[in-house]
Amino acid sequence: MTDNVVHISKAKSNLLTRNEAAEYLGVTPQTLAVWACTRRYNLPVIKMGRLAKYKLSDLDAFINSRSVGGIAA
């Protein structure tokens, strides 16, 4: 039974609120809400009732997909 609790805690820590995700990306929470509503960008949103959650890995993938120029690694 403790394994389930640990597993849930790890999963929860990978989810950010809209405010946290906005701060991570350097935009406002309202901007993220508009992007989700208009589907302007392919940024997955996890809906939990009225709450919007974002996976940290999805935010990192979004940042990487928006990178332009520079030298490829």
PDB file of N, CA and C in Angstrom:
ATOM      1  N   MET A   1       0.816  -1.189   0.000  1.00  0.00           N
ATOM      2  CA  MET A   1       0.000   0.000   0.000  1.00  0.00           C
ATOM      3  C   MET A   1       0.862   1.257   0.000  1.00  0.00           C
ATOM      4  N   THR A   2       1.978   1.237   0.667  1.00  0.00           N
ATOM      5  CA  THR A   2       2.858   2.400   0.678  1.00  0.00           C
ATOM      6  C   THR A   2       3.427   2.684  -0.710  1.00  0.00           C
ATOM      7  N   ASP A   3       3.629   1.649  -1.520  1.00  0.00           N
ATOM      8  CA  ASP A   3       4.156   1.854  -2.861  1.00  0.00           C
ATOM      9  C   ASP A   3       3.229   2.746  -3.684  1.00  0.00           C
ATOM     10  N   ASN A   4       1.924   2.571  -3.541  1.00  0.00           N
ATOM     11  CA  ASN A   4       0.974   3.399  -4.271  1.00  0.00           C
ATOM     12  C   ASN A   4       1.065   4.857  -3.846  1.00  0.00           C
ATOM     13  N   VAL A   5       1.223   5.088  -2.571  1.00  0.00           N
ATOM     14  CA  VAL A   5       1.326   6.449  -2.069  1.00  0.00           C
ATOM     15  C   VAL A   5       2.579   7.117  -2.617  1.00  0.00           C
ATOM     16  N   VAL A   6       3.693   6.424  -2.618  1.00  0.00           N
ATOM     17  CA  VAL A   6       4.940   6.968  -3.144  1.00  0.00           C
ATOM     18  C   VAL A   6       4.789   7.246  -4.633  1.00  0.00           C
ATOM     19  N   HIS A   7       4.177   6.321  -5.361  1.00  0.00           N
ATOM     20  CA  HIS A   7       3.989   6.480  -6.800  1.00  0.00           C
ATOM     21  C   HIS A   7       3.128   7.709  -7.096  1.00  0.00           C
ATOM     22  N   ILE A   8       2.077   7.899  -6.357  1.00  0.00           N
ATOM     23  CA  ILE A   8       1.191   9.044  -6.556  1.00  0.00           C
ATOM     24  C   ILE A   8       1.935  10.341  -6.244  1.00  0.00           C
ATOM     25  N   SER A   9       2.723  10.356  -5.200  1.00  0.00           N
ATOM     26  CA  SER A   9       3.477  11.558  -4.845  1.00  0.00           C
ATOM     27  C   SER A   9       4.446  11.947  -5.951  1.00  0.00           C
ATOM     28  N   LYS A  10       5.113  10.971  -6.554  1.00  0.00           N
ATOM     29  CA  LYS A  10       6.047  11.256  -7.645  1.00  0.00           C
ATOM     30  C   LYS A  10       5.302  11.820  -8.846  1.00  0.00           C
ATOM     31  N   ALA A  11       4.160  11.241  -9.179  1.00  0.00           N
ATOM     32  CA  ALA A  11       3.377  11.718 -10.316  1.00  0.00           C
ATOM     33  C   ALA A  11       2.897  13.136 -10.072  1.00  0.00           C
ATOM     34  N   LYS A  12       2.451  13.424  -8.876  1.00  0.00           N
ATOM     35  CA  LYS A  12       1.938  14.756  -8.556  1.00  0.00           C
ATOM     36  C   LYS A  12       3.036  15.805  -8.659  1.00  0.00           C
ATOM     37  N   SER A  13       4.239  15.470  -8.262  1.00  0.00           N
ATOM     38  CA  SER A  13       5.330  16.442  -8.280  1.00  0.00           C
ATOM     39  C   SER A  13       5.720  16.825  -9.705  1.00  0.00           C
ATOM     40  N   ASN A  14       5.359  16.027 -10.706  1.00  0.00           N
ATOM     41  CA  ASN A  14       5.669  16.340 -12.090  1.00  0.00           C
ATOM     42  C   ASN A  14       4.604  17.210 -12.740  1.00  0.00           C
ATOM     43  N   LEU A  15       3.527  17.510 -12.013  1.00  0.00           N
ATOM     44  CA  LEU A  15       2.457  18.337 -12.556  1.00  0.00           C
ATOM     45  C   LEU A  15       2.532  19.737 -11.958  1.00  0.00           C
ATOM     46  N   LEU A  16       2.446  20.724 -12.825  1.00  0.00           N
ATOM     47  CA  LEU A  16       2.479  22.109 -12.377  1.00  0.00           C
ATOM     48  C   LEU A  16       1.110  22.747 -12.596  1.00  0.00           C
ATOM     49  N   THR A  17       0.762  23.674 -11.743  1.00  0.00           N
ATOM     50  CA  THR A  17      -0.465  24.432 -11.921  1.00  0.00           C
ATOM     51  C   THR A  17      -0.261  25.390 -13.092  1.00  0.00           C
ATOM     52  N   ARG A  18      -1.344  26.011 -13.530  1.00  0.00           N
ATOM     53  CA  ARG A  18      -1.224  26.984 -14.626  1.00  0.00           C
ATOM     54  C   ARG A  18      -0.312  28.141 -14.212  1.00  0.00           C
ATOM     55  N   ASN A  19      -0.413  28.578 -12.970  1.00  0.00           N
ATOM     56  CA  ASN A  19       0.457  29.669 -12.499  1.00  0.00           C
ATOM     57  C   ASN A  19       1.922  29.255 -12.509  1.00  0.00           C
ATOM     58  N   GLU A  20       2.203  28.048 -12.040  1.00  0.00           N
ATOM     59  CA  GLU A  20       3.584  27.558 -12.018  1.00  0.00           C
ATOM     60  C   GLU A  20       4.123  27.383 -13.432  1.00  0.00           C
ATOM     61  N   ALA A  21       3.296  26.833 -14.313  1.00  0.00           N
ATOM     62  CA  ALA A  21       3.709  26.623 -15.704  1.00  0.00           C
ATOM     63  C   ALA A  21       3.971  27.964 -16.388  1.00  0.00           C
ATOM     64  N   ALA A  22       3.115  28.937 -16.125  1.00  0.00           N
ATOM     65  CA  ALA A  22       3.292  30.259 -16.721  1.00  0.00           C
ATOM     66  C   ALA A  22       4.603  30.889 -16.260  1.00  0.00           C
ATOM     67  N   GLU A  23       4.872  30.776 -14.979  1.00  0.00           N
ATOM     68  CA  GLU A  23       6.129  31.319 -14.453  1.00  0.00           C
ATOM     69  C   GLU A  23       7.324  30.613 -15.083  1.00  0.00           C
ATOM     70  N   TYR A  24       7.237  29.305 -15.242  1.00  0.00           N
ATOM     71  CA  TYR A  24       8.316  28.513 -15.843  1.00  0.00           C
ATOM     72  C   TYR A  24       8.583  28.961 -17.281  1.00  0.00           C
ATOM     73  N   LEU A  25       7.513  29.268 -18.025  1.00  0.00           N
ATOM     74  CA  LEU A  25       7.653  29.672 -19.425  1.00  0.00           C
ATOM     75  C   LEU A  25       7.889  31.168 -19.595  1.00  0.00           C
ATOM     76  N   GLY A  26       7.642  31.946 -18.542  1.00  0.00           N
ATOM     77  CA  GLY A  26       7.825  33.386 -18.631  1.00  0.00           C
ATOM     78  C   GLY A  26       6.664  34.097 -19.306  1.00  0.00           C
ATOM     79  N   VAL A  27       5.481  33.543 -19.177  1.00  0.00           N
ATOM     80  CA  VAL A  27       4.267  34.165 -19.706  1.00  0.00           C
ATOM     81  C   VAL A  27       3.265  34.294 -18.566  1.00  0.00           C
ATOM     82  N   THR A  28       2.116  34.900 -18.832  1.00  0.00           N
ATOM     83  CA  THR A  28       1.095  35.019 -17.795  1.00  0.00           C
ATOM     84  C   THR A  28       0.185  33.789 -17.816  1.00  0.00           C
ATOM     85  N   PRO A  29      -0.464  33.512 -16.703  1.00  0.00           N
ATOM     86  CA  PRO A  29      -1.436  32.411 -16.682  1.00  0.00           C
ATOM     87  C   PRO A  29      -2.560  32.628 -17.705  1.00  0.00           C
ATOM     88  N   GLN A  30      -2.930  33.873 -17.932  1.00  0.00           N
ATOM     89  CA  GLN A  30      -3.970  34.178 -18.914  1.00  0.00           C
ATOM     90  C   GLN A  30      -3.526  33.798 -20.325  1.00  0.00           C
ATOM     91  N   THR A  31      -2.251  33.989 -20.621  1.00  0.00           N
ATOM     92  CA  THR A  31      -1.719  33.593 -21.921  1.00  0.00           C
ATOM     93  C   THR A  31      -1.848  32.088 -22.106  1.00  0.00           C
ATOM     94  N   LEU A  32      -1.505  31.315 -21.087  1.00  0.00           N
ATOM     95  CA  LEU A  32      -1.651  29.860 -21.183  1.00  0.00           C
ATOM     96  C   LEU A  32      -3.101  29.466 -21.370  1.00  0.00           C
ATOM     97  N   ALA A  33      -4.009  30.167 -20.706  1.00  0.00           N
ATOM     98  CA  ALA A  33      -5.434  29.879 -20.848  1.00  0.00           C
ATOM     99  C   ALA A  33      -5.894  30.137 -22.280  1.00  0.00           C
ATOM    100  N   VAL A  34      -5.431  31.229 -22.866  1.00  0.00           N
ATOM    101  CA  VAL A  34      -5.792  31.544 -24.253  1.00  0.00           C
ATOM    102  C   VAL A  34      -5.212  30.490 -25.198  1.00  0.00           C
ATOM    103  N   TRP A  35      -3.953  30.112 -24.988  1.00  0.00           N
ATOM    104  CA  TRP A  35      -3.339  29.091 -25.838  1.00  0.00           C
ATOM    105  C   TRP A  35      -4.119  27.791 -25.769  1.00  0.00           C
ATOM    106  N   ALA A  36      -4.563  27.420 -24.579  1.00  0.00           N
ATOM    107  CA  ALA A  36      -5.319  26.172 -24.417  1.00  0.00           C
ATOM    108  C   ALA A  36      -6.682  26.280 -25.111  1.00  0.00           C
ATOM    109  N   CYS A  37      -7.325  27.422 -24.973  1.00  0.00           N
ATOM    110  CA  CYS A  37      -8.657  27.618 -25.540  1.00  0.00           C
ATOM    111  C   CYS A  37      -8.630  27.675 -27.064  1.00  0.00           C
ATOM    112  N   THR A  38      -7.645  28.364 -27.614  1.00  0.00           N
ATOM    113  CA  THR A  38      -7.559  28.542 -29.067  1.00  0.00           C
ATOM    114  C   THR A  38      -6.727  27.456 -29.743  1.00  0.00           C
ATOM    115  N   ARG A  39      -6.063  26.646 -28.920  1.00  0.00           N
ATOM    116  CA  ARG A  39      -5.149  25.600 -29.430  1.00  0.00           C
ATOM    117  C   ARG A  39      -4.077  26.193 -30.346  1.00  0.00           C
ATOM    118  N   ARG A  40      -3.606  27.344 -29.948  1.00  0.00           N
ATOM    119  CA  ARG A  40      -2.598  28.051 -30.739  1.00  0.00           C
ATOM    120  C   ARG A  40      -1.307  27.250 -30.852  1.00  0.00           C
ATOM    121  N   TYR A  41      -0.906  26.628 -29.773  1.00  0.00           N
ATOM    122  CA  TYR A  41       0.312  25.809 -29.756  1.00  0.00           C
ATOM    123  C   TYR A  41      -0.049  24.398 -29.314  1.00  0.00           C
ATOM    124  N   ASN A  42       0.783  23.466 -29.709  1.00  0.00           N
ATOM    125  CA  ASN A  42       0.576  22.070 -29.321  1.00  0.00           C
ATOM    126  C   ASN A  42       1.198  21.837 -27.940  1.00  0.00           C
ATOM    127  N   LEU A  43       0.581  22.440 -26.926  1.00  0.00           N
ATOM    128  CA  LEU A  43       1.050  22.306 -25.551  1.00  0.00           C
ATOM    129  C   LEU A  43      -0.009  21.538 -24.770  1.00  0.00           C
ATOM    130  N   PRO A  44       0.251  20.269 -24.470  1.00  0.00           N
ATOM    131  CA  PRO A  44      -0.757  19.462 -23.778  1.00  0.00           C
ATOM    132  C   PRO A  44      -1.132  20.026 -22.406  1.00  0.00           C
ATOM    133  N   VAL A  45      -2.416  19.981 -22.124  1.00  0.00           N
ATOM    134  CA  VAL A  45      -2.961  20.427 -20.843  1.00  0.00           C
ATOM    135  C   VAL A  45      -3.734  19.256 -20.243  1.00  0.00           C
ATOM    136  N   ILE A  46      -3.523  18.997 -18.970  1.00  0.00           N
ATOM    137  CA  ILE A  46      -4.257  17.947 -18.271  1.00  0.00           C
ATOM    138  C   ILE A  46      -5.359  18.637 -17.478  1.00  0.00           C
ATOM    139  N   LYS A  47      -6.592  18.313 -17.804  1.00  0.00           N
ATOM    140  CA  LYS A  47      -7.728  18.915 -17.112  1.00  0.00           C
ATOM    141  C   LYS A  47      -8.173  18.006 -15.975  1.00  0.00           C
ATOM    142  N   MET A  48      -8.282  18.585 -14.799  1.00  0.00           N
ATOM    143  CA  MET A  48      -8.772  17.886 -13.617  1.00  0.00           C
ATOM    144  C   MET A  48      -9.915  18.723 -13.064  1.00  0.00           C
ATOM    145  N   GLY A  49     -11.104  18.433 -13.569  1.00  0.00           N
ATOM    146  CA  GLY A  49     -12.233  19.286 -13.219  1.00  0.00           C
ATOM    147  C   GLY A  49     -12.013  20.656 -13.822  1.00  0.00           C
ATOM    148  N   ARG A  50     -12.014  21.677 -12.988  1.00  0.00           N
ATOM    149  CA  ARG A  50     -11.777  23.046 -13.459  1.00  0.00           C
ATOM    150  C   ARG A  50     -10.301  23.412 -13.475  1.00  0.00           C
ATOM    151  N   LEU A  51      -9.455  22.533 -12.955  1.00  0.00           N
ATOM    152  CA  LEU A  51      -8.026  22.824 -12.883  1.00  0.00           C
ATOM    153  C   LEU A  51      -7.312  22.417 -14.161  1.00  0.00           C
ATOM    154  N   ALA A  52      -6.322  23.202 -14.541  1.00  0.00           N
ATOM    155  CA  ALA A  52      -5.452  22.873 -15.660  1.00  0.00           C
ATOM    156  C   ALA A  52      -4.069  22.573 -15.095  1.00  0.00           C
ATOM    157  N   LYS A  53      -3.519  21.433 -15.477  1.00  0.00           N
ATOM    158  CA  LYS A  53      -2.190  21.042 -15.014  1.00  0.00           C
ATOM    159  C   LYS A  53      -1.301  20.810 -16.227  1.00  0.00           C
ATOM    160  N   TYR A  54      -0.023  20.994 -16.024  1.00  0.00           N
ATOM    161  CA  TYR A  54       0.953  20.844 -17.091  1.00  0.00           C
ATOM    162  C   TYR A  54       2.085  19.949 -16.620  1.00  0.00           C
ATOM    163  N   LYS A  55       2.498  18.999 -17.474  1.00  0.00           N
ATOM    164  CA  LYS A  55       3.646  18.154 -17.164  1.00  0.00           C
ATOM    165  C   LYS A  55       4.917  18.956 -17.442  1.00  0.00           C
ATOM    166  N   LEU A  56       5.865  18.857 -16.540  1.00  0.00           N
ATOM    167  CA  LEU A  56       7.134  19.545 -16.712  1.00  0.00           C
ATOM    168  C   LEU A  56       7.821  19.081 -17.996  1.00  0.00           C
ATOM    169  N   SER A  57       7.738  17.799 -18.293  1.00  0.00           N
ATOM    170  CA  SER A  57       8.362  17.274 -19.509  1.00  0.00           C
ATOM    171  C   SER A  57       7.711  17.865 -20.759  1.00  0.00           C
ATOM    172  N   ASP A  58       6.391  18.122 -20.734  1.00  0.00           N
ATOM    173  CA  ASP A  58       5.708  18.749 -21.871  1.00  0.00           C
ATOM    174  C   ASP A  58       6.153  20.198 -22.039  1.00  0.00           C
ATOM    175  N   LEU A  59       6.361  20.889 -20.923  1.00  0.00           N
ATOM    176  CA  LEU A  59       6.833  22.272 -20.994  1.00  0.00           C
ATOM    177  C   LEU A  59       8.240  22.329 -21.578  1.00  0.00           C
ATOM    178  N   ASP A  60       9.105  21.410 -21.158  1.00  0.00           N
ATOM    179  CA  ASP A  60      10.462  21.360 -21.695  1.00  0.00           C
ATOM    180  C   ASP A  60      10.447  21.036 -23.187  1.00  0.00           C
ATOM    181  N   ALA A  61       9.597  20.099 -23.603  1.00  0.00           N
ATOM    182  CA  ALA A  61       9.479  19.749 -25.021  1.00  0.00           C
ATOM    183  C   ALA A  61       8.973  20.946 -25.822  1.00  0.00           C
ATOM    184  N   PHE A  62       8.031  21.689 -25.253  1.00  0.00           N
ATOM    185  CA  PHE A  62       7.503  22.884 -25.905  1.00  0.00           C
ATOM    186  C   PHE A  62       8.618  23.906 -26.109  1.00  0.00           C
ATOM    187  N   ILE A  63       9.412  24.138 -25.080  1.00  0.00           N
ATOM    188  CA  ILE A  63      10.525  25.084 -25.180  1.00  0.00           C
ATOM    189  C   ILE A  63      11.497  24.637 -26.265  1.00  0.00           C
ATOM    190  N   ASN A  64      11.846  23.356 -26.266  1.00  0.00           N
ATOM    191  CA  ASN A  64      12.788  22.838 -27.260  1.00  0.00           C
ATOM    192  C   ASN A  64      12.235  22.947 -28.678  1.00  0.00           C
ATOM    193  N   SER A  65      10.940  22.752 -28.846  1.00  0.00           N
ATOM    194  CA  SER A  65      10.340  22.814 -30.178  1.00  0.00           C
ATOM    195  C   SER A  65      10.263  24.250 -30.700  1.00  0.00           C
ATOM    196  N   ARG A  66      10.322  25.229 -29.819  1.00  0.00           N
ATOM    197  CA  ARG A  66      10.224  26.633 -30.202  1.00  0.00           C
ATOM    198  C   ARG A  66      11.600  27.257 -30.443  1.00  0.00           C
ATOM    199  N   SER A  67      12.675  26.510 -30.206  1.00  0.00           N
ATOM    200  CA  SER A  67      14.016  27.038 -30.370  1.00  0.00           C
ATOM    201  C   SER A  67      14.317  27.240 -31.864  1.00  0.00           C
ATOM    202  N   VAL A  68      14.912  28.379 -32.187  1.00  0.00           N
ATOM    203  CA  VAL A  68      15.283  28.674 -33.572  1.00  0.00           C
ATOM    204  C   VAL A  68      16.726  29.136 -33.617  1.00  0.00           C
ATOM    205  N   GLY A  69      17.364  28.871 -34.742  1.00  0.00           N
ATOM    206  CA  GLY A  69      18.746  29.324 -34.932  1.00  0.00           C
ATOM    207  C   GLY A  69      19.738  28.563 -34.070  1.00  0.00           C
ATOM    208  N   GLY A  70      20.922  29.109 -33.991  1.00  0.00           N
ATOM    209  CA  GLY A  70      21.958  28.480 -33.179  1.00  0.00           C
ATOM    210  C   GLY A  70      22.568  27.281 -33.874  1.00  0.00           C
ATOM    211  N   ILE A  71      23.463  26.647 -33.178  1.00  0.00           N
ATOM    212  CA  ILE A  71      24.164  25.478 -33.702  1.00  0.00           C
ATOM    213  C   ILE A  71      23.550  24.233 -33.089  1.00  0.00           C
ATOM    214  N   ALA A  72      23.214  23.272 -33.918  1.00  0.00           N
ATOM    215  CA  ALA A  72      22.629  22.015 -33.423  1.00  0.00           C
ATOM    216  C   ALA A  72      23.666  21.250 -32.627  1.00  0.00           C
ATOM    217  N   ALA A  73      23.198  20.643 -31.549  1.00  0.00           N
ATOM    218  CA  ALA A  73      24.114  19.877 -30.695  1.00  0.00           C
ATOM    219  C   ALA A  73      24.336  18.500 -31.250  1.00  0.00           C
TER     220      ALA A  73
END
